[in-house]
Amino acid sequence: MEITISTNETELTISPNGRIDTATAGELQSVVNDNISGVTKLTFDFKNLSYLSSSGLRVLLSTQKIMNKQGTMRFINVNSDVMDIFDMTGLSDVFQIV
């Protein structure tokens, strides 16, 4: 998995390419931990995300807890497979998906 980040002052966009699974969730967590300080608007761009496992969901949930204290978090370009995962887990009601 490759992860691209872009920043604009207090806005951060994280764009994973490939799969977020047991093998790559730690990498995503590291990217979040290294870049989230001072961020008030976090966007995950899932345009090139093909798969999301429960390990990835844990990273997203822990990130949501942080962002609830310091700003907002949203998801864009969520494909139908990933949206199905959000729907089945009830996270489509928790996350802001646009």
PDB file of N, CA and C in Angstrom:
ATOM      1  N   MET A   1       0.839  -1.172   0.000  1.00  0.00           N
ATOM      2  CA  MET A   1       0.000   0.000   0.000  1.00  0.00           C
ATOM      3  C   MET A   1       0.888   1.241   0.000  1.00  0.00           C
ATOM      4  N   GLU A   2       0.499   2.207  -0.789  1.00  0.00           N
ATOM      5  CA  GLU A   2       1.142   3.511  -0.790  1.00  0.00           C
ATOM      6  C   GLU A   2       0.173   4.505  -0.159  1.00  0.00           C
ATOM      7  N   ILE A   3       0.723   5.465   0.583  1.00  0.00           N
ATOM      8  CA  ILE A   3      -0.107   6.486   1.211  1.00  0.00           C
ATOM      9  C   ILE A   3       0.435   7.850   0.813  1.00  0.00           C
ATOM     10  N   THR A   4      -0.440   8.659   0.242  1.00  0.00           N
ATOM     11  CA  THR A   4      -0.082  10.021  -0.120  1.00  0.00           C
ATOM     12  C   THR A   4      -0.748  10.957   0.871  1.00  0.00           C
ATOM     13  N   ILE A   5      -0.002  11.955   1.320  1.00  0.00           N
ATOM     14  CA  ILE A   5      -0.598  12.957   2.200  1.00  0.00           C
ATOM     15  C   ILE A   5      -0.428  14.327   1.572  1.00  0.00           C
ATOM     16  N   SER A   6      -1.387  15.194   1.826  1.00  0.00           N
ATOM     17  CA  SER A   6      -1.251  16.586   1.425  1.00  0.00           C
ATOM     18  C   SER A   6      -1.780  17.452   2.562  1.00  0.00           C
ATOM     19  N   THR A   7      -1.110  18.556   2.776  1.00  0.00           N
ATOM     20  CA  THR A   7      -1.495  19.446   3.861  1.00  0.00           C
ATOM     21  C   THR A   7      -1.701  20.854   3.329  1.00  0.00           C
ATOM     22  N   ASN A   8      -2.570  21.564   4.015  1.00  0.00           N
ATOM     23  CA  ASN A   8      -2.828  22.965   3.728  1.00  0.00           C
ATOM     24  C   ASN A   8      -3.145  23.619   5.066  1.00  0.00           C
ATOM     25  N   GLU A   9      -2.123  24.158   5.701  1.00  0.00           N
ATOM     26  CA  GLU A   9      -2.223  24.746   7.034  1.00  0.00           C
ATOM     27  C   GLU A   9      -2.741  23.718   8.033  1.00  0.00           C
ATOM     28  N   THR A  10      -3.994  23.808   8.475  1.00  0.00           N
ATOM     29  CA  THR A  10      -4.511  22.868   9.476  1.00  0.00           C
ATOM     30  C   THR A  10      -5.382  21.777   8.851  1.00  0.00           C
ATOM     31  N   GLU A  11      -5.327  21.646   7.532  1.00  0.00           N
ATOM     32  CA  GLU A  11      -6.086  20.608   6.833  1.00  0.00           C
ATOM     33  C   GLU A  11      -5.127  19.528   6.343  1.00  0.00           C
ATOM     34  N   LEU A  12      -5.529  18.279   6.510  1.00  0.00           N
ATOM     35  CA  LEU A  12      -4.720  17.130   6.100  1.00  0.00           C
ATOM     36  C   LEU A  12      -5.585  16.177   5.295  1.00  0.00           C
ATOM     37  N   THR A  13      -5.065  15.729   4.159  1.00  0.00           N
ATOM     38  CA  THR A  13      -5.732  14.699   3.366  1.00  0.00           C
ATOM     39  C   THR A  13      -4.807  13.496   3.284  1.00  0.00           C
ATOM     40  N   ILE A  14      -5.352  12.338   3.624  1.00  0.00           N
ATOM     41  CA  ILE A  14      -4.618  11.075   3.564  1.00  0.00           C
ATOM     42  C   ILE A  14      -5.278  10.218   2.495  1.00  0.00           C
ATOM     43  N   SER A  15      -4.477   9.786   1.519  1.00  0.00           N
ATOM     44  CA  SER A  15      -4.999   9.022   0.381  1.00  0.00           C
ATOM     45  C   SER A  15      -4.264   7.688   0.268  1.00  0.00           C
ATOM     46  N   PRO A  16      -4.843   6.625   0.844  1.00  0.00           N
ATOM     47  CA  PRO A  16      -4.219   5.310   0.700  1.00  0.00           C
ATOM     48  C   PRO A  16      -4.509   4.708  -0.670  1.00  0.00           C
ATOM     49  N   ASN A  17      -3.544   3.989  -1.196  1.00  0.00           N
ATOM     50  CA  ASN A  17      -3.680   3.336  -2.498  1.00  0.00           C
ATOM     51  C   ASN A  17      -3.445   1.844  -2.293  1.00  0.00           C
ATOM     52  N   GLY A  18      -4.481   1.038  -2.509  1.00  0.00           N
ATOM     53  CA  GLY A  18      -4.346  -0.410  -2.336  1.00  0.00           C
ATOM     54  C   GLY A  18      -5.259  -0.929  -1.256  1.00  0.00           C
ATOM     55  N   ARG A  19      -4.681  -1.696  -0.330  1.00  0.00           N
ATOM     56  CA  ARG A  19      -5.453  -2.375   0.710  1.00  0.00           C
ATOM     57  C   ARG A  19      -5.026  -1.914   2.093  1.00  0.00           C
ATOM     58  N   ILE A  20      -6.010  -1.687   2.970  1.00  0.00           N
ATOM     59  CA  ILE A  20      -5.709  -1.489   4.379  1.00  0.00           C
ATOM     60  C   ILE A  20      -6.139  -2.768   5.076  1.00  0.00           C
ATOM     61  N   ASP A  21      -5.152  -3.561   5.461  1.00  0.00           N
ATOM     62  CA  ASP A  21      -5.416  -4.844   6.105  1.00  0.00           C
ATOM     63  C   ASP A  21      -4.449  -5.007   7.273  1.00  0.00           C
ATOM     64  N   THR A  22      -4.366  -6.210   7.807  1.00  0.00           N
ATOM     65  CA  THR A  22      -3.503  -6.468   8.958  1.00  0.00           C
ATOM     66  C   THR A  22      -2.058  -6.078   8.679  1.00  0.00           C
ATOM     67  N   ALA A  23      -1.608  -6.319   7.471  1.00  0.00           N
ATOM     68  CA  ALA A  23      -0.217  -6.038   7.113  1.00  0.00           C
ATOM     69  C   ALA A  23       0.066  -4.552   6.938  1.00  0.00           C
ATOM     70  N   THR A  24      -0.952  -3.750   6.620  1.00  0.00           N
ATOM     71  CA  THR A  24      -0.710  -2.338   6.297  1.00  0.00           C
ATOM     72  C   THR A  24      -1.354  -1.347   7.265  1.00  0.00           C
ATOM     73  N   ALA A  25      -2.196  -1.826   8.174  1.00  0.00           N
ATOM     74  CA  ALA A  25      -2.882  -0.921   9.105  1.00  0.00           C
ATOM     75  C   ALA A  25      -1.884  -0.159   9.980  1.00  0.00           C
ATOM     76  N   GLY A  26      -0.807  -0.798  10.365  1.00  0.00           N
ATOM     77  CA  GLY A  26       0.213  -0.136  11.175  1.00  0.00           C
ATOM     78  C   GLY A  26       0.853   1.025  10.440  1.00  0.00           C
ATOM     79  N   GLU A  27       1.045   0.861   9.143  1.00  0.00           N
ATOM     80  CA  GLU A  27       1.600   1.935   8.324  1.00  0.00           C
ATOM     81  C   GLU A  27       0.653   3.132   8.307  1.00  0.00           C
ATOM     82  N   LEU A  28      -0.638   2.861   8.148  1.00  0.00           N
ATOM     83  CA  LEU A  28      -1.622   3.943   8.177  1.00  0.00           C
ATOM     84  C   LEU A  28      -1.624   4.621   9.539  1.00  0.00           C
ATOM     85  N   GLN A  29      -1.561   3.840  10.604  1.00  0.00           N
ATOM     86  CA  GLN A  29      -1.538   4.404  11.953  1.00  0.00           C
ATOM     87  C   GLN A  29      -0.329   5.309  12.139  1.00  0.00           C
ATOM     88  N   SER A  30       0.813   4.901  11.626  1.00  0.00           N
ATOM     89  CA  SER A  30       2.026   5.716  11.730  1.00  0.00           C
ATOM     90  C   SER A  30       1.887   7.026  10.982  1.00  0.00           C
ATOM     91  N   VAL A  31       1.299   6.971   9.780  1.00  0.00           N
ATOM     92  CA  VAL A  31       1.089   8.195   9.003  1.00  0.00           C
ATOM     93  C   VAL A  31       0.163   9.143   9.764  1.00  0.00           C
ATOM     94  N   VAL A  32      -0.901   8.608  10.324  1.00  0.00           N
ATOM     95  CA  VAL A  32      -1.828   9.438  11.105  1.00  0.00           C
ATOM     96  C   VAL A  32      -1.096  10.044  12.300  1.00  0.00           C
ATOM     97  N   ASN A  33      -0.403   9.211  13.070  1.00  0.00           N
ATOM     98  CA  ASN A  33       0.283   9.692  14.274  1.00  0.00           C
ATOM     99  C   ASN A  33       1.313  10.771  13.954  1.00  0.00           C
ATOM    100  N   ASP A  34       2.014  10.616  12.858  1.00  0.00           N
ATOM    101  CA  ASP A  34       3.077  11.550  12.483  1.00  0.00           C
ATOM    102  C   ASP A  34       2.547  12.879  11.954  1.00  0.00           C
ATOM    103  N   ASN A  35       1.286  12.928  11.536  1.00  0.00           N
ATOM    104  CA  ASN A  35       0.792  14.116  10.839  1.00  0.00           C
ATOM    105  C   ASN A  35      -0.433  14.786  11.453  1.00  0.00           C
ATOM    106  N   ILE A  36      -1.036  14.199  12.470  1.00  0.00           N
ATOM    107  CA  ILE A  36      -2.339  14.684  12.941  1.00  0.00           C
ATOM    108  C   ILE A  36      -2.252  15.856  13.915  1.00  0.00           C
ATOM    109  N   SER A  37      -1.107  16.105  14.466  1.00  0.00           N
ATOM    110  CA  SER A  37      -0.959  17.191  15.435  1.00  0.00           C
ATOM    111  C   SER A  37      -1.324  18.534  14.793  1.00  0.00           C
ATOM    112  N   GLY A  38      -2.240  19.249  15.419  1.00  0.00           N
ATOM    113  CA  GLY A  38      -2.644  20.566  14.945  1.00  0.00           C
ATOM    114  C   GLY A  38      -3.648  20.561  13.802  1.00  0.00           C
ATOM    115  N   VAL A  39      -4.042  19.387  13.349  1.00  0.00           N
ATOM    116  CA  VAL A  39      -4.997  19.287  12.240  1.00  0.00           C
ATOM    117  C   VAL A  39      -6.408  19.515  12.771  1.00  0.00           C
ATOM    118  N   THR A  40      -7.159  20.376  12.089  1.00  0.00           N
ATOM    119  CA  THR A  40      -8.553  20.614  12.467  1.00  0.00           C
ATOM    120  C   THR A  40      -9.530  20.035  11.453  1.00  0.00           C
ATOM    121  N   LYS A  41      -9.031  19.699  10.264  1.00  0.00           N
ATOM    122  CA  LYS A  41      -9.885  19.079   9.242  1.00  0.00           C
ATOM    123  C   LYS A  41      -9.090  17.954   8.581  1.00  0.00           C
ATOM    124  N   LEU A  42      -9.520  16.726   8.827  1.00  0.00           N
ATOM    125  CA  LEU A  42      -8.858  15.546   8.269  1.00  0.00           C
ATOM    126  C   LEU A  42      -9.780  14.897   7.246  1.00  0.00           C
ATOM    127  N   THR A  43      -9.236  14.649   6.064  1.00  0.00           N
ATOM    128  CA  THR A  43      -9.988  13.988   5.009  1.00  0.00           C
ATOM    129  C   THR A  43      -9.245  12.730   4.598  1.00  0.00           C
ATOM    130  N   PHE A  44      -9.967  11.624   4.562  1.00  0.00           N
ATOM    131  CA  PHE A  44      -9.450  10.395   3.973  1.00  0.00           C
ATOM    132  C   PHE A  44     -10.039  10.289   2.572  1.00  0.00           C
ATOM    133  N   ASP A  45      -9.177  10.272   1.571  1.00  0.00           N
ATOM    134  CA  ASP A  45      -9.609  10.113   0.188  1.00  0.00           C
ATOM    135  C   ASP A  45      -9.412   8.655  -0.200  1.00  0.00           C
ATOM    136  N   PHE A  46     -10.517   7.937  -0.356  1.00  0.00           N
ATOM    137  CA  PHE A  46     -10.472   6.493  -0.625  1.00  0.00           C
ATOM    138  C   PHE A  46     -10.628   6.172  -2.105  1.00  0.00           C
ATOM    139  N   LYS A  47     -10.310   7.111  -2.967  1.00  0.00           N
ATOM    140  CA  LYS A  47     -10.447   6.911  -4.413  1.00  0.00           C
ATOM    141  C   LYS A  47      -9.717   5.658  -4.888  1.00  0.00           C
ATOM    142  N   ASN A  48      -8.532   5.396  -4.339  1.00  0.00           N
ATOM    143  CA  ASN A  48      -7.716   4.263  -4.786  1.00  0.00           C
ATOM    144  C   ASN A  48      -7.630   3.151  -3.753  1.00  0.00           C
ATOM    145  N   LEU A  49      -8.577   3.135  -2.807  1.00  0.00           N
ATOM    146  CA  LEU A  49      -8.604   2.077  -1.801  1.00  0.00           C
ATOM    147  C   LEU A  49      -9.443   0.916  -2.308  1.00  0.00           C
ATOM    148  N   SER A  50      -8.861  -0.284  -2.315  1.00  0.00           N
ATOM    149  CA  SER A  50      -9.585  -1.441  -2.840  1.00  0.00           C
ATOM    150  C   SER A  50     -10.155  -2.343  -1.749  1.00  0.00           C
ATOM    151  N   TYR A  51      -9.626  -2.249  -0.509  1.00  0.00           N
ATOM    152  CA  TYR A  51     -10.062  -3.158   0.548  1.00  0.00           C
ATOM    153  C   TYR A  51      -9.801  -2.526   1.905  1.00  0.00           C
ATOM    154  N   LEU A  52     -10.678  -2.780   2.859  1.00  0.00           N
ATOM    155  CA  LEU A  52     -10.538  -2.288   4.221  1.00  0.00           C
ATOM    156  C   LEU A  52     -10.908  -3.402   5.188  1.00  0.00           C
ATOM    157  N   SER A  53      -9.966  -3.805   6.034  1.00  0.00           N
ATOM    158  CA  SER A  53     -10.211  -4.879   6.998  1.00  0.00           C
ATOM    159  C   SER A  53     -10.562  -4.305   8.365  1.00  0.00           C
ATOM    160  N   SER A  54     -10.834  -5.188   9.312  1.00  0.00           N
ATOM    161  CA  SER A  54     -11.138  -4.754  10.673  1.00  0.00           C
ATOM    162  C   SER A  54      -9.947  -4.041  11.305  1.00  0.00           C
ATOM    163  N   SER A  55      -8.744  -4.417  10.926  1.00  0.00           N
ATOM    164  CA  SER A  55      -7.560  -3.710  11.432  1.00  0.00           C
ATOM    165  C   SER A  55      -7.562  -2.260  10.970  1.00  0.00           C
ATOM    166  N   GLY A  56      -7.938  -2.040   9.741  1.00  0.00           N
ATOM    167  CA  GLY A  56      -8.047  -0.688   9.216  1.00  0.00           C
ATOM    168  C   GLY A  56      -9.158   0.092   9.894  1.00  0.00           C
ATOM    169  N   LEU A  57     -10.265  -0.587  10.163  1.00  0.00           N
ATOM    170  CA  LEU A  57     -11.377   0.068  10.855  1.00  0.00           C
ATOM    171  C   LEU A  57     -10.957   0.548  12.239  1.00  0.00           C
ATOM    172  N   ARG A  58     -10.140  -0.252  12.932  1.00  0.00           N
ATOM    173  CA  ARG A  58      -9.652   0.152  14.261  1.00  0.00           C
ATOM    174  C   ARG A  58      -8.833   1.441  14.174  1.00  0.00           C
ATOM    175  N   VAL A  59      -7.995   1.531  13.157  1.00  0.00           N
ATOM    176  CA  VAL A  59      -7.199   2.750  12.968  1.00  0.00           C
ATOM    177  C   VAL A  59      -8.123   3.939  12.721  1.00  0.00           C
ATOM    178  N   LEU A  60      -9.120   3.756  11.883  1.00  0.00           N
ATOM    179  CA  LEU A  60     -10.040   4.850  11.569  1.00  0.00           C
ATOM    180  C   LEU A  60     -10.846   5.273  12.795  1.00  0.00           C
ATOM    181  N   LEU A  61     -11.272   4.312  13.595  1.00  0.00           N
ATOM    182  CA  LEU A  61     -12.032   4.640  14.807  1.00  0.00           C
ATOM    183  C   LEU A  61     -11.174   5.385  15.821  1.00  0.00           C
ATOM    184  N   SER A  62      -9.936   4.965  16.008  1.00  0.00           N
ATOM    185  CA  SER A  62      -9.063   5.660  16.953  1.00  0.00           C
ATOM    186  C   SER A  62      -8.750   7.072  16.445  1.00  0.00           C
ATOM    187  N   THR A  63      -8.628   7.222  15.140  1.00  0.00           N
ATOM    188  CA  THR A  63      -8.396   8.541  14.556  1.00  0.00           C
ATOM    189  C   THR A  63      -9.626   9.423  14.741  1.00  0.00           C
ATOM    190  N   GLN A  64     -10.813   8.844  14.593  1.00  0.00           N
ATOM    191  CA  GLN A  64     -12.053   9.606  14.801  1.00  0.00           C
ATOM    192  C   GLN A  64     -12.121  10.139  16.227  1.00  0.00           C
ATOM    193  N   LYS A  65     -11.700   9.342  17.206  1.00  0.00           N
ATOM    194  CA  LYS A  65     -11.711   9.797  18.602  1.00  0.00           C
ATOM    195  C   LYS A  65     -10.817  11.016  18.789  1.00  0.00           C
ATOM    196  N   ILE A  66      -9.652  10.993  18.155  1.00  0.00           N
ATOM    197  CA  ILE A  66      -8.744  12.139  18.238  1.00  0.00           C
ATOM    198  C   ILE A  66      -9.372  13.357  17.576  1.00  0.00           C
ATOM    199  N   MET A  67      -9.925  13.161  16.388  1.00  0.00           N
ATOM    200  CA  MET A  67     -10.481  14.284  15.639  1.00  0.00           C
ATOM    201  C   MET A  67     -11.744  14.842  16.288  1.00  0.00           C
ATOM    202  N   ASN A  68     -12.462  14.042  17.052  1.00  0.00           N
ATOM    203  CA  ASN A  68     -13.619  14.561  17.783  1.00  0.00           C
ATOM    204  C   ASN A  68     -13.200  15.649  18.765  1.00  0.00           C
ATOM    205  N   LYS A  69     -11.954  15.592  19.238  1.00  0.00           N
ATOM    206  CA  LYS A  69     -11.441  16.567  20.196  1.00  0.00           C
ATOM    207  C   LYS A  69     -10.821  17.784  19.515  1.00  0.00           C
ATOM    208  N   GLN A  70     -10.318  17.609  18.287  1.00  0.00           N
ATOM    209  CA  GLN A  70      -9.576  18.726  17.691  1.00  0.00           C
ATOM    210  C   GLN A  70     -10.127  19.226  16.367  1.00  0.00           C
ATOM    211  N   GLY A  71     -11.193  18.620  15.854  1.00  0.00           N
ATOM    212  CA  GLY A  71     -11.743  19.101  14.588  1.00  0.00           C
ATOM    213  C   GLY A  71     -12.701  18.109  13.966  1.00  0.00           C
ATOM    214  N   THR A  72     -12.655  18.013  12.634  1.00  0.00           N
ATOM    215  CA  THR A  72     -13.569  17.136  11.909  1.00  0.00           C
ATOM    216  C   THR A  72     -12.796  16.125  11.073  1.00  0.00           C
ATOM    217  N   MET A  73     -13.455  15.020  10.786  1.00  0.00           N
ATOM    218  CA  MET A  73     -12.891  13.973   9.939  1.00  0.00           C
ATOM    219  C   MET A  73     -13.971  13.530   8.968  1.00  0.00           C
ATOM    220  N   ARG A  74     -13.582  13.367   7.702  1.00  0.00           N
ATOM    221  CA  ARG A  74     -14.547  12.931   6.702  1.00  0.00           C
ATOM    222  C   ARG A  74     -13.863  11.985   5.713  1.00  0.00           C
ATOM    223  N   PHE A  75     -14.704  11.281   4.955  1.00  0.00           N
ATOM    224  CA  PHE A  75     -14.241  10.357   3.926  1.00  0.00           C
ATOM    225  C   PHE A  75     -14.833  10.788   2.593  1.00  0.00           C
ATOM    226  N   ILE A  76     -13.997  10.780   1.561  1.00  0.00           N
ATOM    227  CA  ILE A  76     -14.471  11.100   0.219  1.00  0.00           C
ATOM    228  C   ILE A  76     -14.096   9.959  -0.729  1.00  0.00           C
ATOM    229  N   ASN A  77     -14.806   9.886  -1.836  1.00  0.00           N
ATOM    230  CA  ASN A  77     -14.540   8.891  -2.891  1.00  0.00           C
ATOM    231  C   ASN A  77     -14.556   7.458  -2.370  1.00  0.00           C
ATOM    232  N   VAL A  78     -15.544   7.151  -1.534  1.00  0.00           N
ATOM    233  CA  VAL A  78     -15.669   5.806  -0.971  1.00  0.00           C
ATOM    234  C   VAL A  78     -16.376   4.913  -1.985  1.00  0.00           C
ATOM    235  N   ASN A  79     -15.714   3.826  -2.396  1.00  0.00           N
ATOM    236  CA  ASN A  79     -16.325   2.928  -3.376  1.00  0.00           C
ATOM    237  C   ASN A  79     -17.373   2.038  -2.711  1.00  0.00           C
ATOM    238  N   SER A  80     -18.140   1.332  -3.501  1.00  0.00           N
ATOM    239  CA  SER A  80     -19.265   0.547  -2.975  1.00  0.00           C
ATOM    240  C   SER A  80     -18.816  -0.592  -2.066  1.00  0.00           C
ATOM    241  N   ASP A  81     -17.656  -1.196  -2.327  1.00  0.00           N
ATOM    242  CA  ASP A  81     -17.178  -2.289  -1.466  1.00  0.00           C
ATOM    243  C   ASP A  81     -16.852  -1.783  -0.062  1.00  0.00           C
ATOM    244  N   VAL A  82     -16.149  -0.668   0.003  1.00  0.00           N
ATOM    245  CA  VAL A  82     -15.805  -0.093   1.303  1.00  0.00           C
ATOM    246  C   VAL A  82     -17.060   0.451   1.981  1.00  0.00           C
ATOM    247  N   MET A  83     -17.965   1.034   1.220  1.00  0.00           N
ATOM    248  CA  MET A  83     -19.210   1.531   1.793  1.00  0.00           C
ATOM    249  C   MET A  83     -20.020   0.388   2.401  1.00  0.00           C
ATOM    250  N   ASP A  84     -20.006  -0.773   1.748  1.00  0.00           N
ATOM    251  CA  ASP A  84     -20.687  -1.953   2.304  1.00  0.00           C
ATOM    252  C   ASP A  84     -20.116  -2.314   3.672  1.00  0.00           C
ATOM    253  N   ILE A  85     -18.807  -2.212   3.823  1.00  0.00           N
ATOM    254  CA  ILE A  85     -18.160  -2.509   5.107  1.00  0.00           C
ATOM    255  C   ILE A  85     -18.611  -1.491   6.152  1.00  0.00           C
ATOM    256  N   PHE A  86     -18.616  -0.202   5.784  1.00  0.00           N
ATOM    257  CA  PHE A  86     -19.098   0.825   6.711  1.00  0.00           C
ATOM    258  C   PHE A  86     -20.550   0.574   7.099  1.00  0.00           C
ATOM    259  N   ASP A  87     -21.384   0.191   6.134  1.00  0.00           N
ATOM    260  CA  ASP A  87     -22.800  -0.068   6.410  1.00  0.00           C
ATOM    261  C   ASP A  87     -22.979  -1.284   7.322  1.00  0.00           C
ATOM    262  N   MET A  88     -22.279  -2.379   7.025  1.00  0.00           N
ATOM    263  CA  MET A  88     -22.427  -3.614   7.809  1.00  0.00           C
ATOM    264  C   MET A  88     -21.968  -3.433   9.250  1.00  0.00           C
ATOM    265  N   THR A  89     -20.976  -2.589   9.474  1.00  0.00           N
ATOM    266  CA  THR A  89     -20.451  -2.377  10.821  1.00  0.00           C
ATOM    267  C   THR A  89     -21.164  -1.246  11.553  1.00  0.00           C
ATOM    268  N   GLY A  90     -22.043  -0.541  10.858  1.00  0.00           N
ATOM    269  CA  GLY A  90     -22.745   0.583  11.457  1.00  0.00           C
ATOM    270  C   GLY A  90     -21.926   1.865  11.472  1.00  0.00           C
ATOM    271  N   LEU A  91     -20.744   1.828  10.892  1.00  0.00           N
ATOM    272  CA  LEU A  91     -19.877   2.998  10.913  1.00  0.00           C
ATOM    273  C   LEU A  91     -20.305   4.077   9.922  1.00  0.00           C
ATOM    274  N   SER A  92     -21.181   3.730   8.999  1.00  0.00           N
ATOM    275  CA  SER A  92     -21.685   4.757   8.081  1.00  0.00           C
ATOM    276  C   SER A  92     -22.515   5.795   8.842  1.00  0.00           C
ATOM    277  N   ASP A  93     -22.984   5.426  10.043  1.00  0.00           N
ATOM    278  CA  ASP A  93     -23.713   6.370  10.887  1.00  0.00           C
ATOM    279  C   ASP A  93     -22.776   7.176  11.783  1.00  0.00           C
ATOM    280  N   VAL A  94     -21.544   6.702  11.929  1.00  0.00           N
ATOM    281  CA  VAL A  94     -20.558   7.347  12.806  1.00  0.00           C
ATOM    282  C   VAL A  94     -19.677   8.300  12.011  1.00  0.00           C
ATOM    283  N   PHE A  95     -19.244   7.846  10.852  1.00  0.00           N
ATOM    284  CA  PHE A  95     -18.319   8.628  10.019  1.00  0.00           C
ATOM    285  C   PHE A  95     -19.073   9.588   9.101  1.00  0.00           C
ATOM    286  N   GLN A  96     -18.421  10.705   8.798  1.00  0.00           N
ATOM    287  CA  GLN A  96     -18.958  11.638   7.801  1.00  0.00           C
ATOM    288  C   GLN A  96     -18.426  11.183   6.441  1.00  0.00           C
ATOM    289  N   ILE A  97     -19.331  10.704   5.597  1.00  0.00           N
ATOM    290  CA  ILE A  97     -18.965  10.186   4.285  1.00  0.00           C
ATOM    291  C   ILE A  97     -19.634  11.059   3.234  1.00  0.00           C
ATOM    292  N   VAL A  98     -18.821  11.677   2.386  1.00  0.00           N
ATOM    293  CA  VAL A  98     -19.371  12.569   1.361  1.00  0.00           C
ATOM    294  C   VAL A  98     -19.006  12.080  -0.022  1.00  0.00           C
TER     295      VAL A  98
END
